Amino acid sequence: MFRSALIAALLLITAQATPASAQQVQAGVLECRGGGSIGFVIGSVTELSCVYRPDFGPRQPYRAVLRRAGVDLGATAVSGLVWGVFAPTQQIGLGDLSGNYGGVTAGAAVGVGLGANVLYGGSNNSFALQPLSVEGQVGLNIFGGIAGLELRFAP
């Protein structure tokens, strides 16, 4: 039963895996790493350190808080996420990714696991974090529901 629900959630995420606008281009990659988290049945909160690696320009440090609401059971020791960043232009200024993002999430970990996140938002909702990001986890966890990411520039 769970496996079917997880597959359905991942298919939903894949179906929505297009940038927010057809005129958006990939501008770089956002990589985030965080410590452990504990799922509280109806959600979790994870703090992350992130680095935006633009296709053009210097690397940019960010801090993030990932909040999940929905089914979230278990605990993880380490989390890592990687997103392609889509924007109206390839050149993104320092701190321009700061903002609030929202979308759907699903995944599981037994030892090592994977997850997927669809997130849109940022400045004037003009950015899309690669709708099908890869999330690596170490621990025992299962999650699915909605996700919010608060991303702040950390010079």
C-alpha atoms as a PDB file:
ATOM      1  CA  MET A   1       0.000   0.000   0.000  1.00  0.00           C
ATOM      2  CA  PHE A   2       2.727   2.474   0.989  1.00  0.00           C
ATOM      3  CA  ARG A   3       4.757   1.596  -2.078  1.00  0.00           C
ATOM      4  CA  SER A   4       1.783   2.403  -4.341  1.00  0.00           C
ATOM      5  CA  ALA A   5       1.235   5.731  -2.574  1.00  0.00           C
ATOM      6  CA  LEU A   6       4.924   6.629  -2.895  1.00  0.00           C
ATOM      7  CA  ILE A   7       4.982   5.735  -6.595  1.00  0.00           C
ATOM      8  CA  ALA A   8       1.812   7.784  -7.174  1.00  0.00           C
ATOM      9  CA  ALA A   9       3.347  10.794  -5.384  1.00  0.00           C
ATOM     10  CA  LEU A  10       6.569  10.549  -7.390  1.00  0.00           C
ATOM     11  CA  LEU A  11       4.580  10.290 -10.641  1.00  0.00           C
ATOM     12  CA  LEU A  12       2.623  13.405  -9.667  1.00  0.00           C
ATOM     13  CA  ILE A  13       5.859  15.256  -9.018  1.00  0.00           C
ATOM     14  CA  THR A  14       7.337  14.071 -12.317  1.00  0.00           C
ATOM     15  CA  ALA A  15       4.224  15.194 -14.193  1.00  0.00           C
ATOM     16  CA  GLN A  16       4.703  18.693 -12.780  1.00  0.00           C
ATOM     17  CA  ALA A  17       8.450  18.718 -13.510  1.00  0.00           C
ATOM     18  CA  THR A  18       8.447  21.730 -15.810  1.00  0.00           C
ATOM     19  CA  PRO A  19       9.647  25.239 -14.998  1.00  0.00           C
ATOM     20  CA  ALA A  20       7.008  27.738 -13.826  1.00  0.00           C
ATOM     21  CA  SER A  21       7.219  29.510 -17.184  1.00  0.00           C
ATOM     22  CA  ALA A  22       8.150  28.268 -20.619  1.00  0.00           C
ATOM     23  CA  GLN A  23      10.461  31.303 -20.877  1.00  0.00           C
ATOM     24  CA  GLN A  24      12.618  30.242 -17.938  1.00  0.00           C
ATOM     25  CA  VAL A  25      16.167  28.958 -18.360  1.00  0.00           C
ATOM     26  CA  GLN A  26      18.396  26.963 -16.062  1.00  0.00           C
ATOM     27  CA  ALA A  27      20.669  29.474 -14.324  1.00  0.00           C
ATOM     28  CA  GLY A  28      22.665  27.193 -12.017  1.00  0.00           C
ATOM     29  CA  VAL A  29      22.451  24.640  -9.215  1.00  0.00           C
ATOM     30  CA  LEU A  30      21.461  25.009  -5.547  1.00  0.00           C
ATOM     31  CA  GLU A  31      23.063  22.432  -3.234  1.00  0.00           C
ATOM     32  CA  CYS A  32      21.932  22.111   0.387  1.00  0.00           C
ATOM     33  CA  ARG A  33      23.127  19.972   3.291  1.00  0.00           C
ATOM     34  CA  GLY A  34      21.655  19.590   6.726  1.00  0.00           C
ATOM     35  CA  GLY A  35      21.919  17.665   9.919  1.00  0.00           C
ATOM     36  CA  GLY A  36      19.424  15.219  11.261  1.00  0.00           C
ATOM     37  CA  SER A  37      15.699  15.633  11.607  1.00  0.00           C
ATOM     38  CA  ILE A  38      12.921  13.808  13.377  1.00  0.00           C
ATOM     39  CA  GLY A  39       9.524  13.358  11.738  1.00  0.00           C
ATOM     40  CA  PHE A  40       6.568  14.274  13.934  1.00  0.00           C
ATOM     41  CA  VAL A  41       3.900  12.238  12.094  1.00  0.00           C
ATOM     42  CA  ILE A  42       2.326  15.404  10.679  1.00  0.00           C
ATOM     43  CA  GLY A  43       5.512  17.211   9.678  1.00  0.00           C
ATOM     44  CA  SER A  44       9.161  18.071  10.233  1.00  0.00           C
ATOM     45  CA  VAL A  45      11.602  20.996  10.202  1.00  0.00           C
ATOM     46  CA  THR A  46      15.177  20.767   8.872  1.00  0.00           C
ATOM     47  CA  GLU A  47      17.824  23.525   8.824  1.00  0.00           C
ATOM     48  CA  LEU A  48      20.152  23.519   5.810  1.00  0.00           C
ATOM     49  CA  SER A  49      23.334  25.238   4.637  1.00  0.00           C
ATOM     50  CA  CYS A  50      23.194  25.905   0.903  1.00  0.00           C
ATOM     51  CA  VAL A  51      25.458  27.081  -1.905  1.00  0.00           C
ATOM     52  CA  TYR A  52      24.093  28.430  -5.172  1.00  0.00           C
ATOM     53  CA  ARG A  53      26.488  27.652  -8.025  1.00  0.00           C
ATOM     54  CA  PRO A  54      25.412  29.879 -10.922  1.00  0.00           C
ATOM     55  CA  ASP A  55      26.329  29.194 -14.516  1.00  0.00           C
ATOM     56  CA  PHE A  56      27.652  32.801 -14.581  1.00  0.00           C
ATOM     57  CA  GLY A  57      29.092  34.632 -11.574  1.00  0.00           C
ATOM     58  CA  PRO A  58      30.400  33.827  -8.083  1.00  0.00           C
ATOM     59  CA  ARG A  59      29.056  31.161  -5.738  1.00  0.00           C
ATOM     60  CA  GLN A  60      26.461  32.415  -3.258  1.00  0.00           C
ATOM     61  CA  PRO A  61      25.905  31.064   0.297  1.00  0.00           C
ATOM     62  CA  TYR A  62      22.373  30.643   1.657  1.00  0.00           C
ATOM     63  CA  ARG A  63      20.706  29.311   4.817  1.00  0.00           C
ATOM     64  CA  ALA A  64      17.435  27.442   4.504  1.00  0.00           C
ATOM     65  CA  VAL A  65      14.677  25.960   6.627  1.00  0.00           C
ATOM     66  CA  LEU A  66      12.713  23.108   5.029  1.00  0.00           C
ATOM     67  CA  ARG A  67       9.297  22.483   6.558  1.00  0.00           C
ATOM     68  CA  ARG A  68       7.147  19.501   5.621  1.00  0.00           C
ATOM     69  CA  ALA A  69       3.473  18.960   6.441  1.00  0.00           C
ATOM     70  CA  GLY A  70       1.816  15.621   5.807  1.00  0.00           C
ATOM     71  CA  VAL A  71       3.023  12.130   6.634  1.00  0.00           C
ATOM     72  CA  ASP A  72       6.563  12.267   8.048  1.00  0.00           C
ATOM     73  CA  LEU A  73       7.610   9.296  10.174  1.00  0.00           C
ATOM     74  CA  GLY A  74      11.108   8.412  11.365  1.00  0.00           C
ATOM     75  CA  ALA A  75      14.463  10.112  11.788  1.00  0.00           C
ATOM     76  CA  THR A  76      17.431  10.960   9.574  1.00  0.00           C
ATOM     77  CA  ALA A  77      21.054  11.673  10.423  1.00  0.00           C
ATOM     78  CA  VAL A  78      22.049  13.622   7.296  1.00  0.00           C
ATOM     79  CA  SER A  79      20.113  15.248   4.445  1.00  0.00           C
ATOM     80  CA  GLY A  80      21.411  16.573   1.147  1.00  0.00           C
ATOM     81  CA  LEU A  81      19.391  18.199  -1.635  1.00  0.00           C
ATOM     82  CA  VAL A  82      20.342  19.361  -5.124  1.00  0.00           C
ATOM     83  CA  TRP A  83      18.110  21.473  -7.365  1.00  0.00           C
ATOM     84  CA  GLY A  84      18.508  22.964 -10.817  1.00  0.00           C
ATOM     85  CA  VAL A  85      17.561  26.665 -10.548  1.00  0.00           C
ATOM     86  CA  PHE A  86      15.254  27.994 -13.277  1.00  0.00           C
ATOM     87  CA  ALA A  87      14.787  31.752 -13.704  1.00  0.00           C
ATOM     88  CA  PRO A  88      13.718  34.308 -16.319  1.00  0.00           C
ATOM     89  CA  THR A  89      17.421  35.058 -16.938  1.00  0.00           C
ATOM     90  CA  GLN A  90      20.712  33.171 -16.536  1.00  0.00           C
ATOM     91  CA  GLN A  91      22.266  35.989 -14.504  1.00  0.00           C
ATOM     92  CA  ILE A  92      20.992  36.056 -10.917  1.00  0.00           C
ATOM     93  CA  GLY A  93      22.345  38.737  -8.570  1.00  0.00           C
ATOM     94  CA  LEU A  94      23.726  38.165  -5.077  1.00  0.00           C
ATOM     95  CA  GLY A  95      20.896  37.159  -2.758  1.00  0.00           C
ATOM     96  CA  ASP A  96      18.227  37.162  -5.475  1.00  0.00           C
ATOM     97  CA  LEU A  97      17.173  33.576  -4.671  1.00  0.00           C
ATOM     98  CA  SER A  98      16.109  34.645  -1.163  1.00  0.00           C
ATOM     99  CA  GLY A  99      12.451  34.069  -0.509  1.00  0.00           C
ATOM    100  CA  ASN A 100       9.813  31.507   0.289  1.00  0.00           C
ATOM    101  CA  TYR A 101       9.186  28.464  -1.891  1.00  0.00           C
ATOM    102  CA  GLY A 102       6.394  25.917  -1.740  1.00  0.00           C
ATOM    103  CA  GLY A 103       5.333  22.676  -3.378  1.00  0.00           C
ATOM    104  CA  VAL A 104       4.945  18.932  -2.882  1.00  0.00           C
ATOM    105  CA  THR A 105       7.381  16.329  -1.534  1.00  0.00           C
ATOM    106  CA  ALA A 106       7.667  12.539  -1.232  1.00  0.00           C
ATOM    107  CA  GLY A 107      10.356   9.982  -0.362  1.00  0.00           C
ATOM    108  CA  ALA A 108      11.627   7.245   1.907  1.00  0.00           C
ATOM    109  CA  ALA A 109      14.865   6.091   3.539  1.00  0.00           C
ATOM    110  CA  VAL A 110      15.827   2.733   5.020  1.00  0.00           C
ATOM    111  CA  GLY A 111      19.526   3.221   5.660  1.00  0.00           C
ATOM    112  CA  VAL A 112      20.012   5.360   2.540  1.00  0.00           C
ATOM    113  CA  GLY A 113      17.030   6.829   0.710  1.00  0.00           C
ATOM    114  CA  LEU A 114      15.841   9.279  -1.925  1.00  0.00           C
ATOM    115  CA  GLY A 115      13.138  11.901  -2.156  1.00  0.00           C
ATOM    116  CA  ALA A 116      11.678  14.399  -4.601  1.00  0.00           C
ATOM    117  CA  ASN A 117      10.590  18.024  -4.142  1.00  0.00           C
ATOM    118  CA  VAL A 118       8.644  20.385  -6.433  1.00  0.00           C
ATOM    119  CA  LEU A 119       9.224  23.979  -5.257  1.00  0.00           C
ATOM    120  CA  TYR A 120       8.318  27.352  -6.796  1.00  0.00           C
ATOM    121  CA  GLY A 121       8.727  30.842  -5.353  1.00  0.00           C
ATOM    122  CA  GLY A 122      11.454  33.283  -4.472  1.00  0.00           C
ATOM    123  CA  SER A 123      11.429  36.920  -5.483  1.00  0.00           C
ATOM    124  CA  ASN A 124       8.005  37.625  -7.052  1.00  0.00           C
ATOM    125  CA  ASN A 125       7.539  33.856  -7.484  1.00  0.00           C
ATOM    126  CA  SER A 126       9.892  34.062 -10.460  1.00  0.00           C
ATOM    127  CA  PHE A 127      12.160  31.094  -9.626  1.00  0.00           C
ATOM    128  CA  ALA A 128      11.651  27.360  -9.848  1.00  0.00           C
ATOM    129  CA  LEU A 129      13.945  25.024  -7.948  1.00  0.00           C
ATOM    130  CA  GLN A 130      14.328  22.059 -10.307  1.00  0.00           C
ATOM    131  CA  PRO A 131      10.944  20.531  -9.840  1.00  0.00           C
ATOM    132  CA  LEU A 132      12.367  17.041  -9.431  1.00  0.00           C
ATOM    133  CA  SER A 133      15.241  17.556  -7.041  1.00  0.00           C
ATOM    134  CA  VAL A 134      17.258  14.689  -5.669  1.00  0.00           C
ATOM    135  CA  GLU A 135      17.277  14.338  -1.913  1.00  0.00           C
ATOM    136  CA  GLY A 136      19.661  11.943  -0.223  1.00  0.00           C
ATOM    137  CA  GLN A 137      19.065  10.823   3.339  1.00  0.00           C
ATOM    138  CA  VAL A 138      20.682   8.489   5.835  1.00  0.00           C
ATOM    139  CA  GLY A 139      18.278   7.051   8.407  1.00  0.00           C
ATOM    140  CA  LEU A 140      14.839   5.476   8.649  1.00  0.00           C
ATOM    141  CA  ASN A 141      12.094   7.733   7.332  1.00  0.00           C
ATOM    142  CA  ILE A 142       9.011   7.978   5.128  1.00  0.00           C
ATOM    143  CA  PHE A 143       7.434  11.261   4.053  1.00  0.00           C
ATOM    144  CA  GLY A 144       4.891  12.742   1.693  1.00  0.00           C
ATOM    145  CA  GLY A 145       2.849  15.925   1.602  1.00  0.00           C
ATOM    146  CA  ILE A 146       3.550  19.598   1.086  1.00  0.00           C
ATOM    147  CA  ALA A 147       6.852  21.368   1.626  1.00  0.00           C
ATOM    148  CA  GLY A 148       7.928  24.930   2.267  1.00  0.00           C
ATOM    149  CA  LEU A 149      11.484  26.219   1.921  1.00  0.00           C
ATOM    150  CA  GLU A 150      12.579  29.530   3.430  1.00  0.00           C
ATOM    151  CA  LEU A 151      15.823  30.544   1.688  1.00  0.00           C
ATOM    152  CA  ARG A 152      17.944  33.460   2.981  1.00  0.00           C
ATOM    153  CA  PHE A 153      21.202  34.908   1.648  1.00  0.00           C
ATOM    154  CA  ALA A 154      24.068  34.303   4.106  1.00  0.00           C
ATOM    155  CA  PRO A 155      27.113  36.364   3.030  1.00  0.00           C
END
